[in-house]
Amino acid sequence: MKIEDKISKKINLDEDWEDFIKEEGLVDYNKIPVERADIKGWVWVAFWFLRIYILVMIILVIIGFSRI
C-alpha cells in the first residue's frame, strides 16, 4: 500500500468520524457524565476478598522487613 493511500484513508476516517458524531448528536460527548455501575453478587465478594488479601500481604511485608 502506498503512503498516499494510507494518508487519504486516514482523512476519510476522520471525516467519517465527524459525520458520525454530528448524526448521533454527540458534539459534546466528552461532557456527558458517566455513572458508576452498581457492584453486585460475586463481583462484590471478589472485590472485598482482594482488599483483604492486599491488606494481609502489606502486613506480612511489614513484618518481614521489621525482622531484617
Protein backbone atom coordinates (compact mmCIF):
# COMPACT_ATOMS: atom_id res chain seq x y z
CA MET A 1 0.00 0.00 0.00
CA LYS A 2 1.33 3.40 -0.94
CA ILE A 3 1.86 6.17 1.57
CA GLU A 4 -0.62 8.37 -0.30
CA ASP A 5 -3.31 5.68 0.09
CA LYS A 6 -2.71 5.49 3.85
CA ILE A 7 -2.93 9.27 4.19
CA SER A 8 -6.12 9.53 2.13
CA LYS A 9 -7.66 6.63 4.06
CA LYS A 10 -6.91 8.39 7.36
CA ILE A 11 -8.50 11.58 6.11
CA ASN A 12 -11.63 9.69 5.08
CA LEU A 13 -11.81 8.01 8.50
CA ASP A 14 -11.56 11.39 10.21
CA GLU A 15 -14.38 12.75 8.06
CA ASP A 16 -16.49 9.65 8.72
CA TRP A 17 -15.95 10.03 12.47
CA GLU A 18 -17.01 13.69 12.36
CA ASP A 19 -20.11 12.78 10.35
CA PHE A 20 -21.00 10.05 12.84
CA ILE A 21 -20.67 12.44 15.79
CA LYS A 22 -22.91 15.01 14.08
CA GLU A 23 -25.54 12.41 13.12
CA GLU A 24 -25.72 10.98 16.64
CA GLY A 25 -25.74 14.39 18.30
CA LEU A 26 -22.57 13.67 20.24
CA VAL A 27 -20.89 17.00 19.67
CA ASP A 28 -20.17 17.31 23.40
CA TYR A 29 -19.77 13.58 24.05
CA ASN A 30 -16.85 14.19 26.42
CA LYS A 31 -19.08 16.31 28.67
CA ILE A 32 -21.66 13.57 29.29
CA PRO A 33 -21.30 12.44 32.92
CA VAL A 34 -20.56 8.75 33.36
CA GLU A 35 -22.40 6.98 36.15
CA ARG A 36 -20.68 4.37 38.26
CA ALA A 37 -22.11 0.87 37.92
CA ASP A 38 -23.51 -0.89 40.97
CA ILE A 39 -21.36 -3.79 42.07
CA LYS A 40 -23.46 -6.81 43.00
CA GLY A 41 -23.16 -10.53 43.70
CA TRP A 42 -19.91 -12.43 43.35
CA VAL A 43 -18.10 -9.38 41.98
CA TRP A 44 -18.74 -7.55 45.27
CA VAL A 45 -17.40 -10.58 47.19
CA ALA A 46 -14.34 -10.79 44.93
CA PHE A 47 -13.51 -7.11 45.43
CA TRP A 48 -13.73 -7.47 49.23
CA PHE A 49 -11.58 -10.60 49.07
CA LEU A 50 -8.96 -8.68 47.07
CA ARG A 51 -8.99 -5.82 49.58
CA ILE A 52 -8.49 -8.21 52.48
CA TYR A 53 -5.77 -10.11 50.56
CA ILE A 54 -3.87 -6.90 49.80
CA LEU A 55 -4.13 -5.79 53.42
CA VAL A 56 -2.77 -9.15 54.66
CA MET A 57 0.09 -9.01 52.15
CA ILE A 58 1.04 -5.49 53.26
CA ILE A 59 1.04 -6.61 56.88
CA LEU A 60 3.23 -9.61 56.04
CA VAL A 61 5.67 -7.42 54.12
CA ILE A 62 5.89 -5.02 57.08
CA ILE A 63 6.55 -7.93 59.43
CA GLY A 64 9.16 -9.31 57.03
CA PHE A 65 11.03 -6.02 56.75
CA SER A 66 10.93 -5.44 60.50
CA ARG A 67 12.87 -8.68 61.07
CA ILE A 68 15.81 -7.68 58.86
